[in-house]
């Protein structure tokens, strides 16, 4: 499942970069960066757990700005973050689990 998730995120990243005329994708451009250490899409599927946790934290800050559509939150990010949450084994990478929960809480604050 991790390989499939990475492929899906890579595709979404390319779509955000190339299809800026699509408004729902254009809003995700703020999560992109030339710096791989900062880019959400690079870090959310990174092998290192702390990079994934940092990407989730960055996402939480971004979603609080209210720029993402409810559609994108419900269809893309809620399933992604729940999947990541359930993949974290109990007792391991608790900071990643907390970051997933915080990201989901940030999303819930934006839903009607």
PDB file of N, CA and C in Angstrom:
ATOM      1  N   UNK A   1       0.824  -1.203   0.000  1.00  0.00           N
ATOM      2  CA  UNK A   1       0.000   0.000   0.000  1.00  0.00           C
ATOM      3  C   UNK A   1       0.863   1.260   0.000  1.00  0.00           C
ATOM      4  N   UNK A   2       2.023   1.219   0.626  1.00  0.00           N
ATOM      5  CA  UNK A   2       2.894   2.390   0.670  1.00  0.00           C
ATOM      6  C   UNK A   2       3.353   2.778  -0.731  1.00  0.00           C
ATOM      7  N   UNK A   3       3.668   1.793  -1.562  1.00  0.00           N
ATOM      8  CA  UNK A   3       4.097   2.068  -2.932  1.00  0.00           C
ATOM      9  C   UNK A   3       2.968   2.702  -3.732  1.00  0.00           C
ATOM     10  N   UNK A   4       1.766   2.191  -3.543  1.00  0.00           N
ATOM     11  CA  UNK A   4       0.611   2.753  -4.241  1.00  0.00           C
ATOM     12  C   UNK A   4       0.354   4.190  -3.768  1.00  0.00           C
ATOM     13  N   UNK A   5       0.466   4.425  -2.465  1.00  0.00           N
ATOM     14  CA  UNK A   5       0.265   5.770  -1.923  1.00  0.00           C
ATOM     15  C   UNK A   5       1.296   6.729  -2.499  1.00  0.00           C
ATOM     16  N   UNK A   6       2.555   6.298  -2.550  1.00  0.00           N
ATOM     17  CA  UNK A   6       3.607   7.155  -3.089  1.00  0.00           C
ATOM     18  C   UNK A   6       3.331   7.490  -4.551  1.00  0.00           C
ATOM     19  N   UNK A   7       2.937   6.497  -5.337  1.00  0.00           N
ATOM     20  CA  UNK A   7       2.619   6.740  -6.744  1.00  0.00           C
ATOM     21  C   UNK A   7       1.471   7.715  -6.900  1.00  0.00           C
ATOM     22  N   UNK A   8       0.469   7.567  -6.059  1.00  0.00           N
ATOM     23  CA  UNK A   8      -0.697   8.445  -6.107  1.00  0.00           C
ATOM     24  C   UNK A   8      -0.313   9.877  -5.722  1.00  0.00           C
ATOM     25  N   UNK A   9       0.487  10.024  -4.672  1.00  0.00           N
ATOM     26  CA  UNK A   9       0.937  11.357  -4.236  1.00  0.00           C
ATOM     27  C   UNK A   9       1.833  11.980  -5.302  1.00  0.00           C
ATOM     28  N   UNK A  10       2.714  11.191  -5.900  1.00  0.00           N
ATOM     29  CA  UNK A  10       3.571  11.710  -6.976  1.00  0.00           C
ATOM     30  C   UNK A  10       2.726  12.223  -8.144  1.00  0.00           C
ATOM     31  N   UNK A  11       1.678  11.479  -8.497  1.00  0.00           N
ATOM     32  CA  UNK A  11       0.773  11.910  -9.568  1.00  0.00           C
ATOM     33  C   UNK A  11       0.065  13.211  -9.188  1.00  0.00           C
ATOM     34  N   UNK A  12      -0.444  13.286  -7.974  1.00  0.00           N
ATOM     35  CA  UNK A  12      -1.103  14.509  -7.510  1.00  0.00           C
ATOM     36  C   UNK A  12      -0.132  15.685  -7.540  1.00  0.00           C
ATOM     37  N   UNK A  13       1.102  15.459  -7.123  1.00  0.00           N
ATOM     38  CA  UNK A  13       2.134  16.501  -7.125  1.00  0.00           C
ATOM     39  C   UNK A  13       2.353  17.029  -8.545  1.00  0.00           C
ATOM     40  N   UNK A  14       2.490  16.121  -9.503  1.00  0.00           N
ATOM     41  CA  UNK A  14       2.678  16.526 -10.905  1.00  0.00           C
ATOM     42  C   UNK A  14       1.464  17.292 -11.421  1.00  0.00           C
ATOM     43  N   UNK A  15       0.280  16.844 -11.057  1.00  0.00           N
ATOM     44  CA  UNK A  15      -0.943  17.537 -11.486  1.00  0.00           C
ATOM     45  C   UNK A  15      -0.979  18.955 -10.923  1.00  0.00           C
ATOM     46  N   UNK A  16      -0.608  19.117  -9.669  1.00  0.00           N
ATOM     47  CA  UNK A  16      -0.581  20.444  -9.043  1.00  0.00           C
ATOM     48  C   UNK A  16       0.408  21.343  -9.776  1.00  0.00           C
ATOM     49  N   UNK A  17       1.552  20.787 -10.138  1.00  0.00           N
ATOM     50  CA  UNK A  17       2.577  21.568 -10.823  1.00  0.00           C
ATOM     51  C   UNK A  17       2.184  21.931 -12.254  1.00  0.00           C
ATOM     52  N   UNK A  18       1.505  21.030 -12.952  1.00  0.00           N
ATOM     53  CA  UNK A  18       1.246  21.213 -14.385  1.00  0.00           C
ATOM     54  C   UNK A  18      -0.139  21.754 -14.722  1.00  0.00           C
ATOM     55  N   UNK A  19      -1.112  21.582 -13.839  1.00  0.00           N
ATOM     56  CA  UNK A  19      -2.497  21.951 -14.156  1.00  0.00           C
ATOM     57  C   UNK A  19      -2.986  23.108 -13.288  1.00  0.00           C
ATOM     58  N   UNK A  20      -2.258  24.195 -13.328  1.00  0.00           N
ATOM     59  CA  UNK A  20      -2.600  25.332 -12.470  1.00  0.00           C
ATOM     60  C   UNK A  20      -3.917  26.003 -12.863  1.00  0.00           C
ATOM     61  N   UNK A  21      -4.453  25.678 -14.042  1.00  0.00           N
ATOM     62  CA  UNK A  21      -5.742  26.257 -14.431  1.00  0.00           C
ATOM     63  C   UNK A  21      -6.911  25.587 -13.698  1.00  0.00           C
ATOM     64  N   UNK A  22      -6.673  24.452 -13.073  1.00  0.00           N
ATOM     65  CA  UNK A  22      -7.712  23.763 -12.298  1.00  0.00           C
ATOM     66  C   UNK A  22      -7.693  24.347 -10.882  1.00  0.00           C
ATOM     67  N   UNK A  23      -8.768  25.034 -10.515  1.00  0.00           N
ATOM     68  CA  UNK A  23      -8.759  25.796  -9.261  1.00  0.00           C
ATOM     69  C   UNK A  23      -8.502  24.932  -8.030  1.00  0.00           C
ATOM     70  N   UNK A  24      -9.074  23.738  -7.974  1.00  0.00           N
ATOM     71  CA  UNK A  24      -8.870  22.898  -6.794  1.00  0.00           C
ATOM     72  C   UNK A  24      -7.419  22.434  -6.680  1.00  0.00           C
ATOM     73  N   UNK A  25      -6.727  22.321  -7.801  1.00  0.00           N
ATOM     74  CA  UNK A  25      -5.309  21.966  -7.770  1.00  0.00           C
ATOM     75  C   UNK A  25      -4.442  23.190  -7.514  1.00  0.00           C
ATOM     76  N   UNK A  26      -4.865  24.327  -8.028  1.00  0.00           N
ATOM     77  CA  UNK A  26      -4.101  25.566  -7.855  1.00  0.00           C
ATOM     78  C   UNK A  26      -3.916  25.900  -6.378  1.00  0.00           C
ATOM     79  N   UNK A  27      -4.926  25.627  -5.563  1.00  0.00           N
ATOM     80  CA  UNK A  27      -4.802  25.937  -4.134  1.00  0.00           C
ATOM     81  C   UNK A  27      -3.739  25.079  -3.458  1.00  0.00           C
ATOM     82  N   UNK A  28      -3.459  23.910  -4.019  1.00  0.00           N
ATOM     83  CA  UNK A  28      -2.447  23.028  -3.434  1.00  0.00           C
ATOM     84  C   UNK A  28      -1.023  23.466  -3.763  1.00  0.00           C
ATOM     85  N   UNK A  29      -0.888  24.412  -4.682  1.00  0.00           N
ATOM     86  CA  UNK A  29       0.431  24.903  -5.087  1.00  0.00           C
ATOM     87  C   UNK A  29       1.211  25.454  -3.890  1.00  0.00           C
ATOM     88  N   UNK A  30       0.493  25.982  -2.903  1.00  0.00           N
ATOM     89  CA  UNK A  30       1.154  26.526  -1.711  1.00  0.00           C
ATOM     90  C   UNK A  30       1.885  25.446  -0.918  1.00  0.00           C
ATOM     91  N   UNK A  31       1.546  24.193  -1.137  1.00  0.00           N
ATOM     92  CA  UNK A  31       2.216  23.089  -0.445  1.00  0.00           C
ATOM     93  C   UNK A  31       3.484  22.636  -1.171  1.00  0.00           C
ATOM     94  N   UNK A  32       3.710  23.176  -2.371  1.00  0.00           N
ATOM     95  CA  UNK A  32       4.896  22.832  -3.159  1.00  0.00           C
ATOM     96  C   UNK A  32       6.042  23.773  -2.816  1.00  0.00           C
ATOM     97  N   UNK A  33       7.240  23.272  -2.986  1.00  0.00           N
ATOM     98  CA  UNK A  33       8.423  24.099  -2.791  1.00  0.00           C
ATOM     99  C   UNK A  33       9.555  23.549  -3.644  1.00  0.00           C
ATOM    100  N   UNK A  34      10.409  24.429  -4.111  1.00  0.00           N
ATOM    101  CA  UNK A  34      11.617  24.005  -4.820  1.00  0.00           C
ATOM    102  C   UNK A  34      12.545  23.252  -3.870  1.00  0.00           C
ATOM    103  N   UNK A  35      12.460  23.591  -2.597  1.00  0.00           N
ATOM    104  CA  UNK A  35      13.274  22.951  -1.562  1.00  0.00           C
ATOM    105  C   UNK A  35      12.613  21.634  -1.149  1.00  0.00           C
ATOM    106  N   UNK A  36      13.261  20.523  -1.450  1.00  0.00           N
ATOM    107  CA  UNK A  36      12.702  19.199  -1.142  1.00  0.00           C
ATOM    108  C   UNK A  36      12.473  19.006   0.355  1.00  0.00           C
ATOM    109  N   UNK A  37      13.210  19.727   1.184  1.00  0.00           N
ATOM    110  CA  UNK A  37      13.032  19.628   2.640  1.00  0.00           C
ATOM    111  C   UNK A  37      11.713  20.251   3.090  1.00  0.00           C
ATOM    112  N   UNK A  38      11.146  21.122   2.277  1.00  0.00           N
ATOM    113  CA  UNK A  38       9.938  21.858   2.636  1.00  0.00           C
ATOM    114  C   UNK A  38       8.716  21.364   1.862  1.00  0.00           C
ATOM    115  N   UNK A  39       8.923  20.814   0.681  1.00  0.00           N
ATOM    116  CA  UNK A  39       7.822  20.398  -0.186  1.00  0.00           C
ATOM    117  C   UNK A  39       6.951  19.331   0.492  1.00  0.00           C
ATOM    118  N   UNK A  40       5.663  19.634   0.651  1.00  0.00           N
ATOM    119  CA  UNK A  40       4.725  18.713   1.297  1.00  0.00           C
ATOM    120  C   UNK A  40       4.684  17.369   0.580  1.00  0.00           C
ATOM    121  N   UNK A  41       4.567  17.399  -0.735  1.00  0.00           N
ATOM    122  CA  UNK A  41       4.388  16.178  -1.515  1.00  0.00           C
ATOM    123  C   UNK A  41       5.619  15.274  -1.472  1.00  0.00           C
ATOM    124  N   UNK A  42       6.793  15.868  -1.414  1.00  0.00           N
ATOM    125  CA  UNK A  42       8.026  15.080  -1.282  1.00  0.00           C
ATOM    126  C   UNK A  42       8.113  14.446   0.106  1.00  0.00           C
ATOM    127  N   UNK A  43       7.712  15.193   1.108  1.00  0.00           N
ATOM    128  CA  UNK A  43       7.911  14.747   2.484  1.00  0.00           C
ATOM    129  C   UNK A  43       6.816  13.839   3.021  1.00  0.00           C
ATOM    130  N   UNK A  44       5.599  13.947   2.517  1.00  0.00           N
ATOM    131  CA  UNK A  44       4.496  13.152   3.064  1.00  0.00           C
ATOM    132  C   UNK A  44       4.693  11.659   2.778  1.00  0.00           C
ATOM    133  N   UNK A  45       5.485  11.314   1.778  1.00  0.00           N
ATOM    134  CA  UNK A  45       5.764   9.908   1.467  1.00  0.00           C
ATOM    135  C   UNK A  45       7.238   9.552   1.673  1.00  0.00           C
ATOM    136  N   UNK A  46       7.964  10.425   2.352  1.00  0.00           N
ATOM    137  CA  UNK A  46       9.391  10.202   2.564  1.00  0.00           C
ATOM    138  C   UNK A  46       9.623   9.006   3.476  1.00  0.00           C
ATOM    139  N   UNK A  47      10.735   8.346   3.286  1.00  0.00           N
ATOM    140  CA  UNK A  47      11.100   7.184   4.089  1.00  0.00           C
ATOM    141  C   UNK A  47      11.295   7.552   5.566  1.00  0.00           C
ATOM    142  N   UNK A  48      11.839   8.727   5.808  1.00  0.00           N
ATOM    143  CA  UNK A  48      12.103   9.153   7.188  1.00  0.00           C
ATOM    144  C   UNK A  48      10.814   9.645   7.841  1.00  0.00           C
ATOM    145  N   UNK A  49      10.512   9.076   8.992  1.00  0.00           N
ATOM    146  CA  UNK A  49       9.268   9.374   9.705  1.00  0.00           C
ATOM    147  C   UNK A  49       9.183  10.845  10.087  1.00  0.00           C
ATOM    148  N   UNK A  50      10.286  11.433  10.529  1.00  0.00           N
ATOM    149  CA  UNK A  50      10.229  12.840  10.955  1.00  0.00           C
ATOM    150  C   UNK A  50       9.889  13.773   9.793  1.00  0.00           C
ATOM    151  N   UNK A  51      10.257  13.399   8.566  1.00  0.00           N
ATOM    152  CA  UNK A  51       9.904  14.220   7.403  1.00  0.00           C
ATOM    153  C   UNK A  51       8.407  14.134   7.126  1.00  0.00           C
ATOM    154  N   UNK A  52       7.821  12.945   7.299  1.00  0.00           N
ATOM    155  CA  UNK A  52       6.370  12.802   7.121  1.00  0.00           C
ATOM    156  C   UNK A  52       5.627  13.595   8.190  1.00  0.00           C
ATOM    157  N   UNK A  53       6.110  13.523   9.430  1.00  0.00           N
ATOM    158  CA  UNK A  53       5.473  14.269  10.521  1.00  0.00           C
ATOM    159  C   UNK A  53       5.555  15.771  10.265  1.00  0.00           C
ATOM    160  N   UNK A  54       6.686  16.225   9.758  1.00  0.00           N
ATOM    161  CA  UNK A  54       6.849  17.653   9.452  1.00  0.00           C
ATOM    162  C   UNK A  54       5.909  18.079   8.324  1.00  0.00           C
ATOM    163  N   UNK A  55       5.729  17.212   7.332  1.00  0.00           N
ATOM    164  CA  UNK A  55       4.793  17.515   6.238  1.00  0.00           C
ATOM    165  C   UNK A  55       3.371  17.638   6.773  1.00  0.00           C
ATOM    166  N   UNK A  56       3.000  16.765   7.681  1.00  0.00           N
ATOM    167  CA  UNK A  56       1.664  16.827   8.286  1.00  0.00           C
ATOM    168  C   UNK A  56       1.486  18.114   9.082  1.00  0.00           C
ATOM    169  N   UNK A  57       2.520  18.516   9.792  1.00  0.00           N
ATOM    170  CA  UNK A  57       2.461  19.763  10.561  1.00  0.00           C
ATOM    171  C   UNK A  57       2.303  20.962   9.625  1.00  0.00           C
ATOM    172  N   UNK A  58       3.044  20.954   8.539  1.00  0.00           N
ATOM    173  CA  UNK A  58       2.927  22.038   7.554  1.00  0.00           C
ATOM    174  C   UNK A  58       1.522  22.063   6.957  1.00  0.00           C
ATOM    175  N   UNK A  59       0.986  20.883   6.674  1.00  0.00           N
ATOM    176  CA  UNK A  59      -0.368  20.802   6.138  1.00  0.00           C
ATOM    177  C   UNK A  59      -1.369  21.369   7.137  1.00  0.00           C
ATOM    178  N   UNK A  60      -1.228  21.015   8.408  1.00  0.00           N
ATOM    179  CA  UNK A  60      -2.148  21.506   9.445  1.00  0.00           C
ATOM    180  C   UNK A  60      -2.164  23.025   9.483  1.00  0.00           C
ATOM    181  N   UNK A  61      -0.996  23.630   9.384  1.00  0.00           N
ATOM    182  CA  UNK A  61      -0.912  25.094   9.365  1.00  0.00           C
ATOM    183  C   UNK A  61      -1.575  25.662   8.113  1.00  0.00           C
ATOM    184  N   UNK A  62      -1.368  25.001   6.981  1.00  0.00           N
ATOM    185  CA  UNK A  62      -1.944  25.470   5.726  1.00  0.00           C
ATOM    186  C   UNK A  62      -3.463  25.354   5.725  1.00  0.00           C
ATOM    187  N   UNK A  63      -3.989  24.230   6.182  1.00  0.00           N
ATOM    188  CA  UNK A  63      -5.438  24.014   6.136  1.00  0.00           C
ATOM    189  C   UNK A  63      -6.161  25.008   7.045  1.00  0.00           C
ATOM    190  N   UNK A  64      -5.510  25.449   8.087  1.00  0.00           N
ATOM    191  CA  UNK A  64      -6.119  26.427   8.994  1.00  0.00           C
ATOM    192  C   UNK A  64      -6.369  27.761   8.298  1.00  0.00           C
ATOM    193  N   UNK A  65      -5.673  28.014   7.188  1.00  0.00           N
ATOM    194  CA  UNK A  65      -5.874  29.261   6.443  1.00  0.00           C
ATOM    195  C   UNK A  65      -7.202  29.262   5.689  1.00  0.00           C
ATOM    196  N   UNK A  66      -7.830  28.088   5.564  1.00  0.00           N
ATOM    197  CA  UNK A  66      -9.131  27.999   4.905  1.00  0.00           C
ATOM    198  C   UNK A  66      -9.085  28.049   3.394  1.00  0.00           C
ATOM    199  N   UNK A  67      -7.925  27.828   2.797  1.00  0.00           N
ATOM    200  CA  UNK A  67      -7.787  27.930   1.342  1.00  0.00           C
ATOM    201  C   UNK A  67      -8.217  26.675   0.587  1.00  0.00           C
ATOM    202  N   UNK A  68      -8.267  25.539   1.259  1.00  0.00           N
ATOM    203  CA  UNK A  68      -8.609  24.291   0.571  1.00  0.00           C
ATOM    204  C   UNK A  68     -10.106  24.080   0.520  1.00  0.00           C
ATOM    205  N   UNK A  69     -10.562  23.562  -0.597  1.00  0.00           N
ATOM    206  CA  UNK A  69     -11.988  23.281  -0.736  1.00  0.00           C
ATOM    207  C   UNK A  69     -12.356  22.073   0.121  1.00  0.00           C
ATOM    208  N   UNK A  70     -13.596  22.063   0.552  1.00  0.00           N
ATOM    209  CA  UNK A  70     -14.086  20.937   1.338  1.00  0.00           C
ATOM    210  C   UNK A  70     -14.016  19.653   0.513  1.00  0.00           C
ATOM    211  N   UNK A  71     -14.235  19.779  -0.773  1.00  0.00           N
ATOM    212  CA  UNK A  71     -14.155  18.614  -1.662  1.00  0.00           C
ATOM    213  C   UNK A  71     -12.767  17.970  -1.584  1.00  0.00           C
ATOM    214  N   UNK A  72     -11.717  18.791  -1.704  1.00  0.00           N
ATOM    215  CA  UNK A  72     -10.349  18.260  -1.653  1.00  0.00           C
ATOM    216  C   UNK A  72     -10.048  17.662  -0.284  1.00  0.00           C
ATOM    217  N   UNK A  73     -10.533  18.314   0.747  1.00  0.00           N
ATOM    218  CA  UNK A  73     -10.302  17.786   2.094  1.00  0.00           C
ATOM    219  C   UNK A  73     -10.957  16.419   2.261  1.00  0.00           C
ATOM    220  N   UNK A  74     -12.214  16.323   1.843  1.00  0.00           N
ATOM    221  CA  UNK A  74     -12.963  15.065   2.019  1.00  0.00           C
ATOM    222  C   UNK A  74     -12.476  13.948   1.099  1.00  0.00           C
ATOM    223  N   UNK A  75     -12.172  14.285  -0.143  1.00  0.00           N
ATOM    224  CA  UNK A  75     -11.857  13.259  -1.145  1.00  0.00           C
ATOM    225  C   UNK A  75     -10.384  12.875  -1.206  1.00  0.00           C
ATOM    226  N   UNK A  76      -9.512  13.777  -0.779  1.00  0.00           N
ATOM    227  CA  UNK A  76      -8.080  13.514  -0.912  1.00  0.00           C
ATOM    228  C   UNK A  76      -7.410  13.337   0.446  1.00  0.00           C
ATOM    229  N   UNK A  77      -7.524  14.345   1.288  1.00  0.00           N
ATOM    230  CA  UNK A  77      -6.684  14.365   2.482  1.00  0.00           C
ATOM    231  C   UNK A  77      -7.219  13.546   3.653  1.00  0.00           C
ATOM    232  N   UNK A  78      -8.512  13.505   3.864  1.00  0.00           N
ATOM    233  CA  UNK A  78      -9.038  12.670   4.949  1.00  0.00           C
ATOM    234  C   UNK A  78      -8.695  11.197   4.705  1.00  0.00           C
ATOM    235  N   UNK A  79      -8.969  10.645   3.512  1.00  0.00           N
ATOM    236  CA  UNK A  79      -8.584   9.237   3.289  1.00  0.00           C
ATOM    237  C   UNK A  79      -7.072   9.006   3.407  1.00  0.00           C
ATOM    238  N   UNK A  80      -6.284   9.947   2.889  1.00  0.00           N
ATOM    239  CA  UNK A  80      -4.829   9.811   2.958  1.00  0.00           C
ATOM    240  C   UNK A  80      -4.351   9.762   4.402  1.00  0.00           C
ATOM    241  N   UNK A  81      -4.811  10.702   5.214  1.00  0.00           N
ATOM    242  CA  UNK A  81      -4.318  10.784   6.590  1.00  0.00           C
ATOM    243  C   UNK A  81      -4.852   9.653   7.463  1.00  0.00           C
ATOM    244  N   UNK A  82      -6.078   9.209   7.221  1.00  0.00           N
ATOM    245  CA  UNK A  82      -6.579   8.044   7.964  1.00  0.00           C
ATOM    246  C   UNK A  82      -5.777   6.799   7.593  1.00  0.00           C
ATOM    247  N   UNK A  83      -5.465   6.650   6.329  1.00  0.00           N
ATOM    248  CA  UNK A  83      -4.650   5.521   5.889  1.00  0.00           C
ATOM    249  C   UNK A  83      -3.283   5.547   6.569  1.00  0.00           C
ATOM    250  N   UNK A  84      -2.668   6.708   6.615  1.00  0.00           N
ATOM    251  CA  UNK A  84      -1.377   6.843   7.284  1.00  0.00           C
ATOM    252  C   UNK A  84      -1.500   6.550   8.775  1.00  0.00           C
ATOM    253  N   UNK A  85      -2.561   7.038   9.383  1.00  0.00           N
ATOM    254  CA  UNK A  85      -2.786   6.834  10.815  1.00  0.00           C
ATOM    255  C   UNK A  85      -2.881   5.346  11.140  1.00  0.00           C
ATOM    256  N   UNK A  86      -3.626   4.616  10.334  1.00  0.00           N
ATOM    257  CA  UNK A  86      -3.804   3.186  10.589  1.00  0.00           C
ATOM    258  C   UNK A  86      -2.557   2.370  10.252  1.00  0.00           C
ATOM    259  N   UNK A  87      -1.670   2.922   9.433  1.00  0.00           N
ATOM    260  CA  UNK A  87      -0.421   2.225   9.102  1.00  0.00           C
ATOM    261  C   UNK A  87       0.619   2.311  10.211  1.00  0.00           C
ATOM    262  N   UNK A  88       0.505   3.309  11.082  1.00  0.00           N
ATOM    263  CA  UNK A  88       1.474   3.470  12.168  1.00  0.00           C
ATOM    264  C   UNK A  88       1.231   2.372  13.198  1.00  0.00           C
ATOM    265  N   UNK A  89       2.264   1.596  13.456  1.00  0.00           N
ATOM    266  CA  UNK A  89       2.139   0.514  14.430  1.00  0.00           C
ATOM    267  C   UNK A  89       2.138   1.085  15.840  1.00  0.00           C
ATOM    268  N   UNK A  90       1.335   0.481  16.700  1.00  0.00           N
ATOM    269  CA  UNK A  90       1.246   0.920  18.090  1.00  0.00           C
ATOM    270  C   UNK A  90       2.630   0.875  18.730  1.00  0.00           C
ATOM    271  N   UNK A  91       2.965   1.953  19.418  1.00  0.00           N
ATOM    272  CA  UNK A  91       4.246   2.032  20.108  1.00  0.00           C
ATOM    273  C   UNK A  91       5.393   2.508  19.245  1.00  0.00           C
ATOM    274  N   UNK A  92       5.161   2.684  17.951  1.00  0.00           N
ATOM    275  CA  UNK A  92       6.214   3.151  17.050  1.00  0.00           C
ATOM    276  C   UNK A  92       5.754   4.433  16.374  1.00  0.00           C
ATOM    277  N   UNK A  93       6.665   5.356  16.240  1.00  0.00           N
ATOM    278  CA  UNK A  93       6.399   6.608  15.532  1.00  0.00           C
ATOM    279  C   UNK A  93       5.165   7.318  16.081  1.00  0.00           C
ATOM    280  N   UNK A  94       5.101   7.423  17.391  1.00  0.00           N
ATOM    281  CA  UNK A  94       3.945   8.081  18.017  1.00  0.00           C
ATOM    282  C   UNK A  94       3.815   9.536  17.579  1.00  0.00           C
ATOM    283  N   UNK A  95       4.951  10.194  17.305  1.00  0.00           N
ATOM    284  CA  UNK A  95       4.872  11.585  16.838  1.00  0.00           C
ATOM    285  C   UNK A  95       4.216  11.666  15.457  1.00  0.00           C
ATOM    286  N   UNK A  96       4.370  10.622  14.639  1.00  0.00           N
ATOM    287  CA  UNK A  96       3.687  10.591  13.345  1.00  0.00           C
ATOM    288  C   UNK A  96       2.188  10.383  13.549  1.00  0.00           C
ATOM    289  N   UNK A  97       1.838   9.508  14.470  1.00  0.00           N
ATOM    290  CA  UNK A  97       0.425   9.288  14.799  1.00  0.00           C
ATOM    291  C   UNK A  97      -0.200  10.596  15.295  1.00  0.00           C
ATOM    292  N   UNK A  98       0.495  11.303  16.168  1.00  0.00           N
ATOM    293  CA  UNK A  98      -0.010  12.583  16.687  1.00  0.00           C
ATOM    294  C   UNK A  98      -0.155  13.612  15.574  1.00  0.00           C
ATOM    295  N   UNK A  99       0.812  13.642  14.664  1.00  0.00           N
ATOM    296  CA  UNK A  99       0.751  14.590  13.545  1.00  0.00           C
ATOM    297  C   UNK A  99      -0.444  14.281  12.639  1.00  0.00           C
ATOM    298  N   UNK A 100      -0.735  12.992  12.417  1.00  0.00           N
ATOM    299  CA  UNK A 100      -1.914  12.601  11.622  1.00  0.00           C
ATOM    300  C   UNK A 100      -3.193  13.060  12.307  1.00  0.00           C
ATOM    301  N   UNK A 101      -3.264  12.826  13.602  1.00  0.00           N
ATOM    302  CA  UNK A 101      -4.454  13.228  14.363  1.00  0.00           C
ATOM    303  C   UNK A 101      -4.619  14.739  14.329  1.00  0.00           C
ATOM    304  N   UNK A 102      -3.524  15.475  14.482  1.00  0.00           N
ATOM    305  CA  UNK A 102      -3.598  16.942  14.430  1.00  0.00           C
ATOM    306  C   UNK A 102      -4.035  17.428  13.051  1.00  0.00           C
ATOM    307  N   UNK A 103      -3.534  16.789  12.000  1.00  0.00           N
ATOM    308  CA  UNK A 103      -3.935  17.177  10.639  1.00  0.00           C
ATOM    309  C   UNK A 103      -5.423  16.911  10.430  1.00  0.00           C
ATOM    310  N   UNK A 104      -5.895  15.770  10.895  1.00  0.00           N
ATOM    311  CA  UNK A 104      -7.324  15.455  10.778  1.00  0.00           C
ATOM    312  C   UNK A 104      -8.171  16.417  11.605  1.00  0.00           C
ATOM    313  N   UNK A 105      -7.676  16.810  12.766  1.00  0.00           N
ATOM    314  CA  UNK A 105      -8.391  17.791  13.591  1.00  0.00           C
ATOM    315  C   UNK A 105      -8.451  19.143  12.881  1.00  0.00           C
ATOM    316  N   UNK A 106      -7.356  19.536  12.242  1.00  0.00           N
ATOM    317  CA  UNK A 106      -7.344  20.795  11.486  1.00  0.00           C
ATOM    318  C   UNK A 106      -8.360  20.750  10.350  1.00  0.00           C
ATOM    319  N   UNK A 107      -8.430  19.613   9.690  1.00  0.00           N
ATOM    320  CA  UNK A 107      -9.406  19.446   8.609  1.00  0.00           C
ATOM    321  C   UNK A 107     -10.821  19.548   9.160  1.00  0.00           C
ATOM    322  N   UNK A 108     -11.078  18.870  10.265  1.00  0.00           N
ATOM    323  CA  UNK A 108     -12.441  18.877  10.823  1.00  0.00           C
ATOM    324  C   UNK A 108     -12.881  20.288  11.190  1.00  0.00           C
ATOM    325  N   UNK A 109     -11.936  21.129  11.545  1.00  0.00           N
ATOM    326  CA  UNK A 109     -12.253  22.515  11.852  1.00  0.00           C
ATOM    327  C   UNK A 109     -12.681  23.323  10.637  1.00  0.00           C
ATOM    328  N   UNK A 110     -12.396  22.803   9.444  1.00  0.00           N
ATOM    329  CA  UNK A 110     -12.742  23.510   8.209  1.00  0.00           C
ATOM    330  C   UNK A 110     -14.006  22.977   7.542  1.00  0.00           C
ATOM    331  N   UNK A 111     -14.516  21.847   8.025  1.00  0.00           N
ATOM    332  CA  UNK A 111     -15.689  21.233   7.396  1.00  0.00           C
ATOM    333  C   UNK A 111     -16.976  21.844   7.914  1.00  0.00           C
ATOM    334  N   UNK A 112     -17.973  21.879   7.049  1.00  0.00           N
ATOM    335  CA  UNK A 112     -19.279  22.410   7.448  1.00  0.00           C
ATOM    336  C   UNK A 112     -20.148  21.331   8.001  1.00  0.00           C
TER     337      UNK A 112
END
